[in-house]
Amino acid sequence: MIQREADVKSKVTAVALTDSVHNVWHQEAGKTIREWMRENCCNWVSSSEPLDTSVESMLPDCPRVSAGMGLVEV
């Protein structure tokens, strides 16, 4: 993304992450990349909350939501 920002933005409309440990603050990602990530990315994380419930994040890089419990009763 940092090396090809314009190309990525013109071709990618959404990014779905699952329990991602990415951190744009440790890279040279500028304000426009961080804003694009907030608007176009979503990180589904392990949580006991219902599916798609907002989950607090320490970094404001992309929204984090619950992946749901996903438990199967046997």
PDB file of N, CA and C in Angstrom:
ATOM      1  N   MET A   1       0.834  -1.189   0.000  1.00  0.00           N
ATOM      2  CA  MET A   1       0.000   0.000   0.000  1.00  0.00           C
ATOM      3  C   MET A   1       0.873   1.244   0.000  1.00  0.00           C
ATOM      4  N   ILE A   2       1.906   1.241   0.795  1.00  0.00           N
ATOM      5  CA  ILE A   2       2.783   2.404   0.866  1.00  0.00           C
ATOM      6  C   ILE A   2       3.486   2.634  -0.467  1.00  0.00           C
ATOM      7  N   GLN A   3       3.908   1.564  -1.112  1.00  0.00           N
ATOM      8  CA  GLN A   3       4.652   1.683  -2.366  1.00  0.00           C
ATOM      9  C   GLN A   3       3.747   1.935  -3.568  1.00  0.00           C
ATOM     10  N   ARG A   4       2.487   1.526  -3.487  1.00  0.00           N
ATOM     11  CA  ARG A   4       1.573   1.653  -4.631  1.00  0.00           C
ATOM     12  C   ARG A   4       0.204   2.194  -4.204  1.00  0.00           C
ATOM     13  N   GLU A   5       0.214   3.248  -3.438  1.00  0.00           N
ATOM     14  CA  GLU A   5      -1.016   3.790  -2.850  1.00  0.00           C
ATOM     15  C   GLU A   5      -2.087   4.095  -3.899  1.00  0.00           C
ATOM     16  N   ALA A   6      -1.760   4.848  -4.920  1.00  0.00           N
ATOM     17  CA  ALA A   6      -2.753   5.226  -5.933  1.00  0.00           C
ATOM     18  C   ALA A   6      -3.301   4.005  -6.658  1.00  0.00           C
ATOM     19  N   ASP A   7      -2.440   3.062  -6.987  1.00  0.00           N
ATOM     20  CA  ASP A   7      -2.852   1.845  -7.685  1.00  0.00           C
ATOM     21  C   ASP A   7      -3.808   1.025  -6.820  1.00  0.00           C
ATOM     22  N   VAL A   8      -3.476   0.856  -5.548  1.00  0.00           N
ATOM     23  CA  VAL A   8      -4.327   0.092  -4.630  1.00  0.00           C
ATOM     24  C   VAL A   8      -5.682   0.783  -4.481  1.00  0.00           C
ATOM     25  N   LYS A   9      -5.664   2.073  -4.250  1.00  0.00           N
ATOM     26  CA  LYS A   9      -6.916   2.805  -4.053  1.00  0.00           C
ATOM     27  C   LYS A   9      -7.826   2.753  -5.279  1.00  0.00           C
ATOM     28  N   SER A  10      -7.242   2.687  -6.459  1.00  0.00           N
ATOM     29  CA  SER A  10      -8.057   2.654  -7.670  1.00  0.00           C
ATOM     30  C   SER A  10      -8.635   1.270  -7.963  1.00  0.00           C
ATOM     31  N   LYS A  11      -8.079   0.219  -7.351  1.00  0.00           N
ATOM     32  CA  LYS A  11      -8.512  -1.145  -7.658  1.00  0.00           C
ATOM     33  C   LYS A  11      -9.171  -1.886  -6.497  1.00  0.00           C
ATOM     34  N   VAL A  12      -8.877  -1.496  -5.284  1.00  0.00           N
ATOM     35  CA  VAL A  12      -9.383  -2.216  -4.111  1.00  0.00           C
ATOM     36  C   VAL A  12     -10.463  -1.378  -3.437  1.00  0.00           C
ATOM     37  N   THR A  13     -11.625  -1.984  -3.244  1.00  0.00           N
ATOM     38  CA  THR A  13     -12.722  -1.244  -2.619  1.00  0.00           C
ATOM     39  C   THR A  13     -12.976  -1.667  -1.172  1.00  0.00           C
ATOM     40  N   ALA A  14     -12.478  -2.843  -0.786  1.00  0.00           N
ATOM     41  CA  ALA A  14     -12.671  -3.292   0.586  1.00  0.00           C
ATOM     42  C   ALA A  14     -11.619  -4.337   0.941  1.00  0.00           C
ATOM     43  N   VAL A  15     -11.262  -4.347   2.238  1.00  0.00           N
ATOM     44  CA  VAL A  15     -10.312  -5.333   2.745  1.00  0.00           C
ATOM     45  C   VAL A  15     -10.915  -5.943   4.009  1.00  0.00           C
ATOM     46  N   ALA A  16     -11.039  -7.267   4.021  1.00  0.00           N
ATOM     47  CA  ALA A  16     -11.543  -7.985   5.193  1.00  0.00           C
ATOM     48  C   ALA A  16     -10.364  -8.667   5.876  1.00  0.00           C
ATOM     49  N   LEU A  17     -10.171  -8.348   7.141  1.00  0.00           N
ATOM     50  CA  LEU A  17      -9.076  -8.933   7.921  1.00  0.00           C
ATOM     51  C   LEU A  17      -9.676  -9.836   8.994  1.00  0.00           C
ATOM     52  N   THR A  18      -8.949 -10.856   9.381  1.00  0.00           N
ATOM     53  CA  THR A  18      -9.399 -11.740  10.457  1.00  0.00           C
ATOM     54  C   THR A  18      -8.303 -11.863  11.505  1.00  0.00           C
ATOM     55  N   ASP A  19      -8.559 -11.281  12.678  1.00  0.00           N
ATOM     56  CA  ASP A  19      -7.598 -11.260  13.785  1.00  0.00           C
ATOM     57  C   ASP A  19      -6.225 -10.772  13.339  1.00  0.00           C
ATOM     58  N   SER A  20      -6.218  -9.760  12.508  1.00  0.00           N
ATOM     59  CA  SER A  20      -4.958  -9.214  11.996  1.00  0.00           C
ATOM     60  C   SER A  20      -4.171  -8.530  13.108  1.00  0.00           C
ATOM     61  N   VAL A  21      -2.873  -8.678  13.054  1.00  0.00           N
ATOM     62  CA  VAL A  21      -1.986  -8.007  14.010  1.00  0.00           C
ATOM     63  C   VAL A  21      -1.195  -6.908  13.301  1.00  0.00           C
ATOM     64  N   HIS A  22      -1.730  -6.404  12.186  1.00  0.00           N
ATOM     65  CA  HIS A  22      -1.058  -5.341  11.442  1.00  0.00           C
ATOM     66  C   HIS A  22      -0.974  -4.083  12.301  1.00  0.00           C
ATOM     67  N   ASN A  23      -0.039  -3.210  11.957  1.00  0.00           N
ATOM     68  CA  ASN A  23       0.096  -1.948  12.673  1.00  0.00           C
ATOM     69  C   ASN A  23       0.692  -0.916  11.734  1.00  0.00           C
ATOM     70  N   VAL A  24      -0.130  -0.039  11.191  1.00  0.00           N
ATOM     71  CA  VAL A  24       0.366   0.972  10.253  1.00  0.00           C
ATOM     72  C   VAL A  24       1.199   2.040  10.948  1.00  0.00           C
ATOM     73  N   TRP A  25       1.129   2.111  12.265  1.00  0.00           N
ATOM     74  CA  TRP A  25       1.885   3.126  13.005  1.00  0.00           C
ATOM     75  C   TRP A  25       3.369   2.778  13.063  1.00  0.00           C
ATOM     76  N   HIS A  26       3.740   1.526  12.800  1.00  0.00           N
ATOM     77  CA  HIS A  26       5.144   1.118  12.783  1.00  0.00           C
ATOM     78  C   HIS A  26       5.733   1.225  11.379  1.00  0.00           C
ATOM     79  N   GLN A  27       4.950   1.704  10.439  1.00  0.00           N
ATOM     80  CA  GLN A  27       5.385   1.844   9.058  1.00  0.00           C
ATOM     81  C   GLN A  27       5.262   3.311   8.664  1.00  0.00           C
ATOM     82  N   GLU A  28       5.673   3.619   7.471  1.00  0.00           N
ATOM     83  CA  GLU A  28       5.623   5.004   7.000  1.00  0.00           C
ATOM     84  C   GLU A  28       4.301   5.310   6.301  1.00  0.00           C
ATOM     85  N   ALA A  29       3.210   4.811   6.838  1.00  0.00           N
ATOM     86  CA  ALA A  29       1.890   5.057   6.252  1.00  0.00           C
ATOM     87  C   ALA A  29       1.455   6.474   6.606  1.00  0.00           C
ATOM     88  N   GLY A  30       1.152   7.247   5.591  1.00  0.00           N
ATOM     89  CA  GLY A  30       0.725   8.619   5.810  1.00  0.00           C
ATOM     90  C   GLY A  30      -0.739   8.722   6.198  1.00  0.00           C
ATOM     91  N   LYS A  31      -1.170   9.935   6.398  1.00  0.00           N
ATOM     92  CA  LYS A  31      -2.548  10.211   6.817  1.00  0.00           C
ATOM     93  C   LYS A  31      -3.561   9.679   5.814  1.00  0.00           C
ATOM     94  N   THR A  32      -3.281   9.815   4.509  1.00  0.00           N
ATOM     95  CA  THR A  32      -4.251   9.374   3.501  1.00  0.00           C
ATOM     96  C   THR A  32      -4.422   7.864   3.523  1.00  0.00           C
ATOM     97  N   ILE A  33      -3.363   7.111   3.789  1.00  0.00           N
ATOM     98  CA  ILE A  33      -3.463   5.649   3.884  1.00  0.00           C
ATOM     99  C   ILE A  33      -4.256   5.269   5.122  1.00  0.00           C
ATOM    100  N   ARG A  34      -3.986   5.906   6.241  1.00  0.00           N
ATOM    101  CA  ARG A  34      -4.723   5.598   7.480  1.00  0.00           C
ATOM    102  C   ARG A  34      -6.212   5.917   7.310  1.00  0.00           C
ATOM    103  N   GLU A  35      -6.535   7.030   6.655  1.00  0.00           N
ATOM    104  CA  GLU A  35      -7.941   7.371   6.412  1.00  0.00           C
ATOM    105  C   GLU A  35      -8.603   6.348   5.496  1.00  0.00           C
ATOM    106  N   TRP A  36      -7.900   5.926   4.439  1.00  0.00           N
ATOM    107  CA  TRP A  36      -8.436   4.924   3.512  1.00  0.00           C
ATOM    108  C   TRP A  36      -8.715   3.625   4.261  1.00  0.00           C
ATOM    109  N   MET A  37      -7.808   3.232   5.148  1.00  0.00           N
ATOM    110  CA  MET A  37      -7.998   1.994   5.913  1.00  0.00           C
ATOM    111  C   MET A  37      -9.214   2.096   6.833  1.00  0.00           C
ATOM    112  N   ARG A  38      -9.410   3.239   7.473  1.00  0.00           N
ATOM    113  CA  ARG A  38     -10.579   3.416   8.349  1.00  0.00           C
ATOM    114  C   ARG A  38     -11.876   3.289   7.553  1.00  0.00           C
ATOM    115  N   GLU A  39     -11.860   3.727   6.303  1.00  0.00           N
ATOM    116  CA  GLU A  39     -13.072   3.724   5.484  1.00  0.00           C
ATOM    117  C   GLU A  39     -13.288   2.428   4.701  1.00  0.00           C
ATOM    118  N   ASN A  40     -12.229   1.662   4.421  1.00  0.00           N
ATOM    119  CA  ASN A  40     -12.338   0.528   3.506  1.00  0.00           C
ATOM    120  C   ASN A  40     -11.926  -0.817   4.097  1.00  0.00           C
ATOM    121  N   CYS A  41     -11.473  -0.833   5.329  1.00  0.00           N
ATOM    122  CA  CYS A  41     -11.031  -2.088   5.951  1.00  0.00           C
ATOM    123  C   CYS A  41     -11.905  -2.419   7.156  1.00  0.00           C
ATOM    124  N   CYS A  42     -11.991  -3.694   7.452  1.00  0.00           N
ATOM    125  CA  CYS A  42     -12.670  -4.143   8.661  1.00  0.00           C
ATOM    126  C   CYS A  42     -11.924  -5.365   9.176  1.00  0.00           C
ATOM    127  N   ASN A  43     -11.659  -5.382  10.465  1.00  0.00           N
ATOM    128  CA  ASN A  43     -10.930  -6.480  11.087  1.00  0.00           C
ATOM    129  C   ASN A  43     -11.868  -7.237  12.029  1.00  0.00           C
ATOM    130  N   TRP A  44     -12.262  -8.452  11.630  1.00  0.00           N
ATOM    131  CA  TRP A  44     -13.088  -9.293  12.497  1.00  0.00           C
ATOM    132  C   TRP A  44     -12.167  -9.991  13.484  1.00  0.00           C
ATOM    133  N   VAL A  45     -12.438  -9.801  14.780  1.00  0.00           N
ATOM    134  CA  VAL A  45     -11.550 -10.322  15.825  1.00  0.00           C
ATOM    135  C   VAL A  45     -12.282 -11.299  16.740  1.00  0.00           C
ATOM    136  N   SER A  46     -11.509 -12.148  17.388  1.00  0.00           N
ATOM    137  CA  SER A  46     -12.078 -13.091  18.347  1.00  0.00           C
ATOM    138  C   SER A  46     -12.719 -12.313  19.485  1.00  0.00           C
ATOM    139  N   SER A  47     -13.945 -12.671  19.794  1.00  0.00           N
ATOM    140  CA  SER A  47     -14.672 -11.968  20.845  1.00  0.00           C
ATOM    141  C   SER A  47     -15.901 -12.788  21.230  1.00  0.00           C
ATOM    142  N   SER A  48     -16.311 -12.635  22.469  1.00  0.00           N
ATOM    143  CA  SER A  48     -17.537 -13.310  22.912  1.00  0.00           C
ATOM    144  C   SER A  48     -18.779 -12.475  22.578  1.00  0.00           C
ATOM    145  N   GLU A  49     -18.575 -11.286  22.038  1.00  0.00           N
ATOM    146  CA  GLU A  49     -19.680 -10.418  21.639  1.00  0.00           C
ATOM    147  C   GLU A  49     -20.369 -10.984  20.392  1.00  0.00           C
ATOM    148  N   PRO A  50     -21.625 -10.609  20.156  1.00  0.00           N
ATOM    149  CA  PRO A  50     -22.314 -11.059  18.937  1.00  0.00           C
ATOM    150  C   PRO A  50     -21.591 -10.577  17.673  1.00  0.00           C
ATOM    151  N   LEU A  51     -21.798 -11.301  16.605  1.00  0.00           N
ATOM    152  CA  LEU A  51     -21.183 -10.991  15.319  1.00  0.00           C
ATOM    153  C   LEU A  51     -21.379  -9.523  14.936  1.00  0.00           C
ATOM    154  N   ASP A  52     -20.334  -8.904  14.465  1.00  0.00           N
ATOM    155  CA  ASP A  52     -20.307  -7.528  13.962  1.00  0.00           C
ATOM    156  C   ASP A  52     -20.489  -6.448  15.025  1.00  0.00           C
ATOM    157  N   THR A  53     -20.402  -6.820  16.304  1.00  0.00           N
ATOM    158  CA  THR A  53     -20.426  -5.823  17.366  1.00  0.00           C
ATOM    159  C   THR A  53     -19.079  -5.111  17.380  1.00  0.00           C
ATOM    160  N   SER A  54     -19.103  -3.804  17.477  1.00  0.00           N
ATOM    161  CA  SER A  54     -17.870  -3.028  17.510  1.00  0.00           C
ATOM    162  C   SER A  54     -17.024  -3.438  18.719  1.00  0.00           C
ATOM    163  N   VAL A  55     -15.719  -3.610  18.480  1.00  0.00           N
ATOM    164  CA  VAL A  55     -14.778  -3.995  19.536  1.00  0.00           C
ATOM    165  C   VAL A  55     -13.745  -2.882  19.647  1.00  0.00           C
ATOM    166  N   GLU A  56     -13.493  -2.436  20.864  1.00  0.00           N
ATOM    167  CA  GLU A  56     -12.559  -1.340  21.086  1.00  0.00           C
ATOM    168  C   GLU A  56     -11.162  -1.687  20.581  1.00  0.00           C
ATOM    169  N   SER A  57     -10.516  -0.699  20.004  1.00  0.00           N
ATOM    170  CA  SER A  57      -9.163  -0.876  19.489  1.00  0.00           C
ATOM    171  C   SER A  57      -8.262   0.175  20.093  1.00  0.00           C
ATOM    172  N   MET A  58      -7.016  -0.188  20.340  1.00  0.00           N
ATOM    173  CA  MET A  58      -6.061   0.776  20.875  1.00  0.00           C
ATOM    174  C   MET A  58      -5.575   1.719  19.779  1.00  0.00           C
ATOM    175  N   LEU A  59      -5.617   1.286  18.527  1.00  0.00           N
ATOM    176  CA  LEU A  59      -5.151   2.107  17.411  1.00  0.00           C
ATOM    177  C   LEU A  59      -6.303   2.373  16.446  1.00  0.00           C
ATOM    178  N   PRO A  60      -6.426   3.599  15.971  1.00  0.00           N
ATOM    179  CA  PRO A  60      -7.533   3.951  15.069  1.00  0.00           C
ATOM    180  C   PRO A  60      -7.215   3.725  13.592  1.00  0.00           C
ATOM    181  N   ASP A  61      -6.736   2.526  13.229  1.00  0.00           N
ATOM    182  CA  ASP A  61      -6.350   2.305  11.834  1.00  0.00           C
ATOM    183  C   ASP A  61      -7.468   1.698  11.003  1.00  0.00           C
ATOM    184  N   CYS A  62      -8.225   0.769  11.544  1.00  0.00           N
ATOM    185  CA  CYS A  62      -9.392   0.243  10.840  1.00  0.00           C
ATOM    186  C   CYS A  62     -10.355  -0.311  11.878  1.00  0.00           C
ATOM    187  N   PRO A  63     -11.633  -0.272  11.587  1.00  0.00           N
ATOM    188  CA  PRO A  63     -12.624  -0.755  12.552  1.00  0.00           C
ATOM    189  C   PRO A  63     -12.404  -2.225  12.906  1.00  0.00           C
ATOM    190  N   ARG A  64     -12.617  -2.539  14.178  1.00  0.00           N
ATOM    191  CA  ARG A  64     -12.557  -3.923  14.655  1.00  0.00           C
ATOM    192  C   ARG A  64     -13.955  -4.306  15.100  1.00  0.00           C
ATOM    193  N   VAL A  65     -14.408  -5.455  14.647  1.00  0.00           N
ATOM    194  CA  VAL A  65     -15.723  -5.956  15.047  1.00  0.00           C
ATOM    195  C   VAL A  65     -15.598  -7.416  15.446  1.00  0.00           C
ATOM    196  N   SER A  66     -16.554  -7.874  16.231  1.00  0.00           N
ATOM    197  CA  SER A  66     -16.541  -9.253  16.708  1.00  0.00           C
ATOM    198  C   SER A  66     -16.793 -10.243  15.581  1.00  0.00           C
ATOM    199  N   ALA A  67     -16.035 -11.312  15.590  1.00  0.00           N
ATOM    200  CA  ALA A  67     -16.258 -12.398  14.636  1.00  0.00           C
ATOM    201  C   ALA A  67     -17.336 -13.345  15.168  1.00  0.00           C
ATOM    202  N   GLY A  68     -17.891 -13.033  16.332  1.00  0.00           N
ATOM    203  CA  GLY A  68     -18.925 -13.872  16.923  1.00  0.00           C
ATOM    204  C   GLY A  68     -18.315 -15.057  17.640  1.00  0.00           C
ATOM    205  N   MET A  69     -19.124 -15.735  18.377  1.00  0.00           N
ATOM    206  CA  MET A  69     -18.632 -16.871  19.154  1.00  0.00           C
ATOM    207  C   MET A  69     -18.399 -18.074  18.283  1.00  0.00           C
ATOM    208  N   GLY A  70     -19.252 -18.304  17.308  1.00  0.00           N
ATOM    209  CA  GLY A  70     -19.053 -19.413  16.374  1.00  0.00           C
ATOM    210  C   GLY A  70     -19.011 -20.775  17.027  1.00  0.00           C
ATOM    211  N   LEU A  71     -19.658 -20.920  18.169  1.00  0.00           N
ATOM    212  CA  LEU A  71     -19.654 -22.215  18.857  1.00  0.00           C
ATOM    213  C   LEU A  71     -20.692 -23.140  18.254  1.00  0.00           C
ATOM    214  N   VAL A  72     -20.338 -24.384  18.118  1.00  0.00           N
ATOM    215  CA  VAL A  72     -21.253 -25.385  17.578  1.00  0.00           C
ATOM    216  C   VAL A  72     -21.584 -26.352  18.714  1.00  0.00           C
ATOM    217  N   GLU A  73     -22.857 -26.498  19.013  1.00  0.00           N
ATOM    218  CA  GLU A  73     -23.264 -27.428  20.066  1.00  0.00           C
ATOM    219  C   GLU A  73     -23.255 -28.838  19.507  1.00  0.00           C
ATOM    220  N   VAL A  74     -22.740 -29.754  20.316  1.00  0.00           N
ATOM    221  CA  VAL A  74     -22.667 -31.157  19.897  1.00  0.00           C
ATOM    222  C   VAL A  74     -23.630 -31.963  20.726  1.00  0.00           C
TER     223      VAL A  74
END
